[in-house]
C-alpha atoms as a PDB file:
ATOM      1  CA  MET A   1      -0.181   0.066   0.061  1.00  0.00           C
ATOM      2  CA  ASN A   2       1.467   3.874  -0.866  1.00  0.00           C
ATOM      3  CA  ASP A   3       1.111   6.807   0.290  1.00  0.00           C
ATOM      4  CA  ALA A   4      -1.699   7.849  -1.575  1.00  0.00           C
ATOM      5  CA  ASP A   5      -3.126   4.704  -0.464  1.00  0.00           C
ATOM      6  CA  VAL A   6      -2.664   5.560   3.353  1.00  0.00           C
ATOM      7  CA  SER A   7      -3.754   9.454   2.839  1.00  0.00           C
ATOM      8  CA  LYS A   8      -7.394   7.854   1.909  1.00  0.00           C
ATOM      9  CA  GLN A   9      -7.575   5.416   4.222  1.00  0.00           C
ATOM     10  CA  ILE A  10      -6.746   7.545   7.038  1.00  0.00           C
ATOM     11  CA  GLN A  11      -9.171  10.377   5.662  1.00  0.00           C
ATOM     12  CA  GLN A  12     -11.639   8.442   4.899  1.00  0.00           C
ATOM     13  CA  MET A  13     -11.542   6.663   9.174  1.00  0.00           C
ATOM     14  CA  VAL A  14     -11.470  10.265  10.129  1.00  0.00           C
ATOM     15  CA  ARG A  15     -15.068  11.760   7.903  1.00  0.00           C
ATOM     16  CA  PHE A  16     -15.915   7.934  10.314  1.00  0.00           C
ATOM     17  CA  ILE A  17     -14.984   9.393  13.254  1.00  0.00           C
ATOM     18  CA  ARG A  18     -16.016  13.206  12.663  1.00  0.00           C
ATOM     19  CA  GLN A  19     -19.705  12.136  11.812  1.00  0.00           C
ATOM     20  CA  GLU A  20     -20.029   9.844  14.168  1.00  0.00           C
ATOM     21  CA  ALA A  21     -18.993  12.464  16.743  1.00  0.00           C
ATOM     22  CA  GLU A  22     -20.818  15.669  14.711  1.00  0.00           C
ATOM     23  CA  GLU A  23     -24.022  12.126  14.809  1.00  0.00           C
ATOM     24  CA  LYS A  24     -23.836  11.620  19.141  1.00  0.00           C
ATOM     25  CA  ALA A  25     -23.064  16.046  20.292  1.00  0.00           C
ATOM     26  CA  ASN A  26     -26.656  16.122  17.975  1.00  0.00           C
ATOM     27  CA  GLU A  27     -28.124  12.909  20.428  1.00  0.00           C
ATOM     28  CA  ILE A  28     -26.875  14.122  22.981  1.00  0.00           C
ATOM     29  CA  SER A  29     -27.954  18.245  21.816  1.00  0.00           C
ATOM     30  CA  VAL A  30     -31.827  17.110  21.315  1.00  0.00           C
ATOM     31  CA  SER A  31     -31.379  14.515  24.017  1.00  0.00           C
ATOM     32  CA  ALA A  32     -30.762  17.643  26.281  1.00  0.00           C
ATOM     33  CA  GLU A  33     -33.640  19.922  24.941  1.00  0.00           C
ATOM     34  CA  GLU A  34     -36.221  17.345  25.177  1.00  0.00           C
ATOM     35  CA  GLU A  35     -34.962  17.677  29.112  1.00  0.00           C
ATOM     36  CA  PHE A  36     -34.192  20.801  29.673  1.00  0.00           C
ATOM     37  CA  ASN A  37     -37.945  21.304  27.908  1.00  0.00           C
ATOM     38  CA  ILE A  38     -39.494  18.590  30.579  1.00  0.00           C
ATOM     39  CA  GLU A  39     -37.658  20.049  34.070  1.00  0.00           C
ATOM     40  CA  LYS A  40     -39.553  24.180  32.195  1.00  0.00           C
ATOM     41  CA  LEU A  41     -42.389  22.743  32.188  1.00  0.00           C
ATOM     42  CA  GLN A  42     -42.153  20.711  35.375  1.00  0.00           C
ATOM     43  CA  LEU A  43     -40.899  23.801  36.471  1.00  0.00           C
ATOM     44  CA  VAL A  44     -44.475  25.886  34.800  1.00  0.00           C
ATOM     45  CA  GLU A  45     -46.571  23.565  36.458  1.00  0.00           C
ATOM     46  CA  ALA A  46     -45.039  23.735  39.842  1.00  0.00           C
ATOM     47  CA  GLU A  47     -45.150  27.043  39.911  1.00  0.00           C
ATOM     48  CA  LYS A  48     -49.425  27.330  38.225  1.00  0.00           C
ATOM     49  CA  LYS A  49     -50.389  24.856  40.865  1.00  0.00           C
ATOM     50  CA  LYS A  50     -48.536  27.344  43.910  1.00  0.00           C
ATOM     51  CA  ILE A  51     -50.533  30.137  42.150  1.00  0.00           C
ATOM     52  CA  ARG A  52     -53.402  28.267  42.586  1.00  0.00           C
ATOM     53  CA  GLN A  53     -53.290  26.837  45.727  1.00  0.00           C
ATOM     54  CA  GLU A  54     -52.643  30.635  46.691  1.00  0.00           C
ATOM     55  CA  TYR A  55     -55.664  32.049  44.548  1.00  0.00           C
ATOM     56  CA  ASP A  56     -57.721  29.482  46.393  1.00  0.00           C
ATOM     57  CA  ARG A  57     -56.622  29.983  50.309  1.00  0.00           C
ATOM     58  CA  LYS A  58     -57.056  34.047  49.268  1.00  0.00           C
ATOM     59  CA  THR A  59     -60.369  33.045  47.972  1.00  0.00           C
ATOM     60  CA  LYS A  60     -61.353  31.333  51.101  1.00  0.00           C
ATOM     61  CA  GLN A  61     -60.262  33.890  53.485  1.00  0.00           C
ATOM     62  CA  VAL A  62     -62.146  35.993  51.435  1.00  0.00           C
ATOM     63  CA  GLU A  63     -64.827  34.370  51.735  1.00  0.00           C
ATOM     64  CA  VAL A  64     -64.974  33.738  55.684  1.00  0.00           C
ATOM     65  CA  ARG A  65     -64.484  37.332  56.120  1.00  0.00           C
ATOM     66  CA  LYS A  66     -67.462  37.616  53.935  1.00  0.00           C
ATOM     67  CA  LYS A  67     -69.141  35.165  55.803  1.00  0.00           C
ATOM     68  CA  ILE A  68     -68.053  37.009  59.115  1.00  0.00           C
ATOM     69  CA  GLU A  69     -68.837  40.388  58.111  1.00  0.00           C
ATOM     70  CA  TYR A  70     -72.104  39.367  56.971  1.00  0.00           C
ATOM     71  CA  SER A  71     -72.939  37.452  60.487  1.00  0.00           C
ATOM     72  CA  MET A  72     -71.768  40.854  63.158  1.00  0.00           C
ATOM     73  CA  GLN A  73     -74.256  42.720  60.029  1.00  0.00           C
ATOM     74  CA  LEU A  74     -76.941  39.695  61.162  1.00  0.00           C
ATOM     75  CA  ASN A  75     -76.576  40.243  64.877  1.00  0.00           C
ATOM     76  CA  ALA A  76     -76.065  44.062  64.738  1.00  0.00           C
ATOM     77  CA  SER A  77     -79.667  44.138  63.148  1.00  0.00           C
ATOM     78  CA  ARG A  78     -81.047  41.696  65.341  1.00  0.00           C
ATOM     79  CA  ILE A  79     -80.274  43.609  68.413  1.00  0.00           C
ATOM     80  CA  GLN A  80     -81.333  46.713  66.594  1.00  0.00           C
ATOM     81  CA  VAL A  81     -84.781  44.971  66.273  1.00  0.00           C
ATOM     82  CA  LEU A  82     -84.706  43.349  70.069  1.00  0.00           C
ATOM     83  CA  GLN A  83     -84.126  46.929  71.271  1.00  0.00           C
ATOM     84  CA  ALA A  84     -86.350  48.458  68.899  1.00  0.00           C
ATOM     85  CA  GLN A  85     -89.109  46.270  70.208  1.00  0.00           C
ATOM     86  CA  ASP A  86     -88.226  46.320  74.192  1.00  0.00           C
ATOM     87  CA  ASP A  87     -88.474  50.867  73.664  1.00  0.00           C
ATOM     88  CA  VAL A  88     -92.255  49.702  72.119  1.00  0.00           C
ATOM     89  CA  VAL A  89     -92.489  47.790  75.322  1.00  0.00           C
ATOM     90  CA  ASN A  90     -91.429  49.925  78.190  1.00  0.00           C
ATOM     91  CA  ALA A  91     -93.040  52.209  76.520  1.00  0.00           C
ATOM     92  CA  MET A  92     -96.248  50.911  76.675  1.00  0.00           C
ATOM     93  CA  LYS A  93     -95.007  49.782  80.255  1.00  0.00           C
ATOM     94  CA  ASP A  94     -94.246  53.559  81.147  1.00  0.00           C
ATOM     95  CA  VAL A  95     -97.614  54.655  79.393  1.00  0.00           C
ATOM     96  CA  ALA A  96     -99.549  52.390  82.010  1.00  0.00           C
ATOM     97  CA  GLY A  97     -97.765  53.066  84.955  1.00  0.00           C
ATOM     98  CA  LYS A  98     -98.209  56.966  84.324  1.00  0.00           C
ATOM     99  CA  GLU A  99    -102.561  55.976  83.800  1.00  0.00           C
ATOM    100  CA  LEU A 100    -102.050  53.893  88.170  1.00  0.00           C
ATOM    101  CA  LEU A 101    -101.604  57.225  88.961  1.00  0.00           C
ATOM    102  CA  ASN A 102    -104.841  58.166  88.220  1.00  0.00           C
ATOM    103  CA  VAL A 103    -106.635  55.311  89.537  1.00  0.00           C
ATOM    104  CA  ALA A 104    -105.501  57.008  93.507  1.00  0.00           C
ATOM    105  CA  ASN A 105    -107.330  60.185  91.803  1.00  0.00           C
ATOM    106  CA  ALA A 106    -111.014  58.155  92.611  1.00  0.00           C
ATOM    107  CA  LYS A 107    -111.380  58.364  95.956  1.00  0.00           C
ATOM    108  CA  ASN A 108    -114.358  56.368  95.719  1.00  0.00           C
ATOM    109  CA  ALA A 109    -112.958  53.833  93.491  1.00  0.00           C
ATOM    110  CA  TYR A 110    -109.543  53.857  95.583  1.00  0.00           C
ATOM    111  CA  LYS A 111    -111.455  53.328  98.284  1.00  0.00           C
ATOM    112  CA  LYS A 112    -113.131  49.856  97.267  1.00  0.00           C
ATOM    113  CA  LEU A 113    -109.966  48.294  95.654  1.00  0.00           C
ATOM    114  CA  LEU A 114    -107.951  48.903  98.681  1.00  0.00           C
ATOM    115  CA  LYS A 115    -110.183  46.578 100.363  1.00  0.00           C
ATOM    116  CA  ASP A 116    -110.174  43.689  98.067  1.00  0.00           C
ATOM    117  CA  LEU A 117    -105.713  44.310  97.863  1.00  0.00           C
ATOM    118  CA  ILE A 118    -105.787  43.719 101.698  1.00  0.00           C
ATOM    119  CA  VAL A 119    -108.379  40.870 101.455  1.00  0.00           C
ATOM    120  CA  GLN A 120    -106.311  39.443  99.028  1.00  0.00           C
ATOM    121  CA  SER A 121    -103.381  39.183 100.485  1.00  0.00           C
ATOM    122  CA  LEU A 122    -104.500  37.828 103.006  1.00  0.00           C
ATOM    123  CA  LEU A 123    -105.952  35.306 101.607  1.00  0.00           C
ATOM    124  CA  ARG A 124    -102.293  34.298 100.404  1.00  0.00           C
ATOM    125  CA  LEU A 125    -101.075  34.380 103.650  1.00  0.00           C
ATOM    126  CA  LYS A 126    -103.621  33.019 105.481  1.00  0.00           C
ATOM    127  CA  GLU A 127    -101.877  34.338 109.028  1.00  0.00           C
ATOM    128  CA  PRO A 128    -103.495  34.667 112.359  1.00  0.00           C
ATOM    129  CA  SER A 129    -101.092  38.421 112.648  1.00  0.00           C
ATOM    130  CA  VAL A 130    -100.127  40.226 110.106  1.00  0.00           C
ATOM    131  CA  LEU A 131     -98.283  43.886 109.305  1.00  0.00           C
ATOM    132  CA  LEU A 132     -99.478  46.270 106.616  1.00  0.00           C
ATOM    133  CA  ARG A 133     -97.624  48.787 104.426  1.00  0.00           C
ATOM    134  CA  CYS A 134     -98.747  51.761 102.766  1.00  0.00           C
ATOM    135  CA  ARG A 135     -98.474  54.973 101.646  1.00  0.00           C
ATOM    136  CA  GLU A 136     -98.022  57.499 103.840  1.00  0.00           C
ATOM    137  CA  ILE A 137    -101.176  59.935 102.251  1.00  0.00           C
ATOM    138  CA  ASP A 138    -103.143  55.999 102.939  1.00  0.00           C
ATOM    139  CA  VAL A 139    -102.959  55.286 105.987  1.00  0.00           C
ATOM    140  CA  GLY A 140    -106.315  57.080 106.151  1.00  0.00           C
ATOM    141  CA  MET A 141    -107.968  55.550 103.597  1.00  0.00           C
ATOM    142  CA  VAL A 142    -106.850  52.338 104.857  1.00  0.00           C
ATOM    143  CA  GLN A 143    -108.203  51.912 108.228  1.00  0.00           C
ATOM    144  CA  SER A 144    -111.456  53.175 106.624  1.00  0.00           C
ATOM    145  CA  VAL A 145    -111.289  49.892 105.667  1.00  0.00           C
ATOM    146  CA  LEU A 146    -109.220  47.716 107.571  1.00  0.00           C
ATOM    147  CA  GLU A 147    -112.023  46.383 109.457  1.00  0.00           C
ATOM    148  CA  GLU A 148    -114.273  45.559 106.143  1.00  0.00           C
ATOM    149  CA  ALA A 149    -111.469  43.336 104.679  1.00  0.00           C
ATOM    150  CA  LYS A 150    -110.862  41.743 108.401  1.00  0.00           C
ATOM    151  CA  GLN A 151    -114.170  40.507 107.778  1.00  0.00           C
ATOM    152  CA  GLU A 152    -115.163  39.747 104.323  1.00  0.00           C
ATOM    153  CA  TYR A 153    -111.569  37.749 104.840  1.00  0.00           C
ATOM    154  CA  ALA A 154    -112.887  36.520 107.588  1.00  0.00           C
ATOM    155  CA  GLY A 155    -115.956  34.971 105.676  1.00  0.00           C
ATOM    156  CA  LYS A 156    -114.383  34.053 102.698  1.00  0.00           C
ATOM    157  CA  ALA A 157    -111.966  32.213 104.629  1.00  0.00           C
ATOM    158  CA  LYS A 158    -114.352  30.473 107.151  1.00  0.00           C
ATOM    159  CA  VAL A 159    -111.780  31.847 110.368  1.00  0.00           C
ATOM    160  CA  GLN A 160    -111.916  34.563 113.044  1.00  0.00           C
ATOM    161  CA  ALA A 161    -110.754  37.712 111.829  1.00  0.00           C
ATOM    162  CA  PRO A 162    -107.145  38.288 111.964  1.00  0.00           C
ATOM    163  CA  LYS A 163    -105.387  41.002 113.296  1.00  0.00           C
ATOM    164  CA  ILE A 164    -103.963  43.625 111.422  1.00  0.00           C
ATOM    165  CA  THR A 165    -101.642  46.259 112.246  1.00  0.00           C
ATOM    166  CA  VAL A 166    -100.579  49.446 110.263  1.00  0.00           C
ATOM    167  CA  ASP A 167     -96.894  50.026 110.511  1.00  0.00           C
ATOM    168  CA  GLY A 168     -96.732  53.753 111.243  1.00  0.00           C
ATOM    169  CA  ARG A 169     -93.289  54.251 110.959  1.00  0.00           C
ATOM    170  CA  VAL A 170     -92.061  52.502 107.879  1.00  0.00           C
ATOM    171  CA  HIS A 171     -94.464  53.434 104.983  1.00  0.00           C
ATOM    172  CA  LEU A 172     -94.520  52.605 100.996  1.00  0.00           C
ATOM    173  CA  PRO A 173     -92.306  55.309  98.485  1.00  0.00           C
ATOM    174  CA  PRO A 174     -94.957  58.425  97.769  1.00  0.00           C
ATOM    175  CA  PRO A 175     -96.738  58.557  94.289  1.00  0.00           C
ATOM    176  CA  PRO A 176     -94.106  60.220  91.809  1.00  0.00           C
ATOM    177  CA  THR A 177     -94.183  64.015  91.657  1.00  0.00           C
ATOM    178  CA  SER A 178     -92.667  64.900  88.198  1.00  0.00           C
ATOM    179  CA  GLU A 179     -91.526  62.555  84.760  1.00  0.00           C
ATOM    180  CA  GLU A 180     -87.882  63.533  85.435  1.00  0.00           C
ATOM    181  CA  SER A 181     -88.167  61.725  89.541  1.00  0.00           C
ATOM    182  CA  HIS A 182     -86.820  58.686  89.728  1.00  0.00           C
ATOM    183  CA  GLY A 183     -86.267  57.603  93.266  1.00  0.00           C
ATOM    184  CA  PRO A 184     -88.569  55.757  94.717  1.00  0.00           C
ATOM    185  CA  SER A 185     -92.038  55.847  94.043  1.00  0.00           C
ATOM    186  CA  CYS A 186     -95.451  54.123  94.519  1.00  0.00           C
ATOM    187  CA  SER A 187     -98.499  54.747  92.441  1.00  0.00           C
ATOM    188  CA  GLY A 188    -100.743  52.418  95.633  1.00  0.00           C
ATOM    189  CA  GLY A 189    -101.704  49.574  97.134  1.00  0.00           C
ATOM    190  CA  VAL A 190    -100.072  47.857  99.870  1.00  0.00           C
ATOM    191  CA  VAL A 191     -97.975  44.938 100.674  1.00  0.00           C
ATOM    192  CA  LEU A 192     -99.191  42.986 104.403  1.00  0.00           C
ATOM    193  CA  ALA A 193     -96.836  40.309 105.672  1.00  0.00           C
ATOM    194  CA  SER A 194     -97.066  37.928 108.335  1.00  0.00           C
ATOM    195  CA  GLN A 195     -95.420  39.584 111.836  1.00  0.00           C
ATOM    196  CA  ASP A 196     -91.858  37.120 111.775  1.00  0.00           C
ATOM    197  CA  GLY A 197     -91.594  38.897 107.946  1.00  0.00           C
ATOM    198  CA  LYS A 198     -90.764  35.522 105.937  1.00  0.00           C
ATOM    199  CA  ILE A 199     -94.046  35.654 104.143  1.00  0.00           C
ATOM    200  CA  VAL A 200     -94.167  39.481 102.410  1.00  0.00           C
ATOM    201  CA  CYS A 201     -97.631  39.770 100.025  1.00  0.00           C
ATOM    202  CA  GLU A 202     -96.167  42.666  98.037  1.00  0.00           C
ATOM    203  CA  ASN A 203     -99.865  43.789  96.301  1.00  0.00           C
ATOM    204  CA  THR A 204     -99.018  46.920  94.663  1.00  0.00           C
ATOM    205  CA  LEU A 205    -100.116  48.992  91.325  1.00  0.00           C
ATOM    206  CA  ASP A 206     -96.981  48.487  90.881  1.00  0.00           C
ATOM    207  CA  ALA A 207     -96.282  44.940  91.680  1.00  0.00           C
ATOM    208  CA  ARG A 208     -99.255  44.086  89.597  1.00  0.00           C
ATOM    209  CA  LEU A 209     -98.610  45.591  86.794  1.00  0.00           C
ATOM    210  CA  ASP A 210     -95.761  44.292  86.604  1.00  0.00           C
ATOM    211  CA  VAL A 211     -96.856  40.707  87.068  1.00  0.00           C
ATOM    212  CA  VAL A 212     -99.517  41.654  83.934  1.00  0.00           C
ATOM    213  CA  PHE A 213     -96.847  42.489  81.646  1.00  0.00           C
ATOM    214  CA  ARG A 214     -94.292  39.485  83.043  1.00  0.00           C
ATOM    215  CA  GLN A 215     -96.948  37.881  81.761  1.00  0.00           C
ATOM    216  CA  LYS A 216     -98.512  39.329  78.710  1.00  0.00           C
ATOM    217  CA  LEU A 217     -95.656  40.118  77.464  1.00  0.00           C
ATOM    218  CA  PRO A 218     -95.126  37.391  75.048  1.00  0.00           C
ATOM    219  CA  GLU A 219     -98.743  37.989  73.654  1.00  0.00           C
ATOM    220  CA  ILE A 220     -98.013  42.101  73.738  1.00  0.00           C
ATOM    221  CA  ARG A 221     -94.972  41.808  71.267  1.00  0.00           C
ATOM    222  CA  LYS A 222     -97.380  39.817  69.010  1.00  0.00           C
ATOM    223  CA  SER A 223    -100.142  42.157  69.221  1.00  0.00           C
ATOM    224  CA  LEU A 224     -97.480  45.228  68.480  1.00  0.00           C
ATOM    225  CA  LEU A 225     -95.242  43.735  66.418  1.00  0.00           C
ATOM    226  CA  GLY A 226     -96.312  40.887  64.268  1.00  0.00           C
ATOM    227  CA  LYS A 227     -95.756  36.961  65.646  1.00  0.00           C
ATOM    228  CA  THR A 228     -92.340  36.555  64.391  1.00  0.00           C
ATOM    229  CA  SER A 229     -91.730  38.695  67.919  1.00  0.00           C
ATOM    230  CA  ALA A 230     -93.932  36.906  69.922  1.00  0.00           C
END
């Protein structure tokens, strides 16, 4: 083999090696591109997932805040409605309380009412001896009906007439003097107690008004404010 043949064979080998190297390089480049694209896609999807999770978290936070705000507004509205209801009922009670003052002004009717209240109190206490308290301005009127009340009670209870002592030292508060007065007051009536003070029957007009309002409150609310307020 001469030099030309050797040179030719070497060149063929070089071309073969170069071609094989280029093909290998192309394979590496394609593989690297594929790996790069896969990794890039994974990173993009991971970021998208983070963004979606953050969006979901913030959306839930907004929904929770909206629910809390709605609940707070609803509770505030309910409190306002309840307060308005109480204001109406209390105003009605105040009007009724002022009307009680007119009861004591009708002397004959109030005198009979005092007698009936005493009899009713005696029937509740069923004590042989009681202490009676009333407003100072009512002492004379109470004493004028005391004997009649004792005999009426004795007849109804079928017992001897009880001993009733009118307290001359401690009296029930006087009637209110003005709308601005905030001190203790009493519109009329009596309070009877057993001699040992363990049993008390408060039969004042104010106490009876309180009892009536407690008993009739559901009916009053329903009448004034509708079925939903009953």
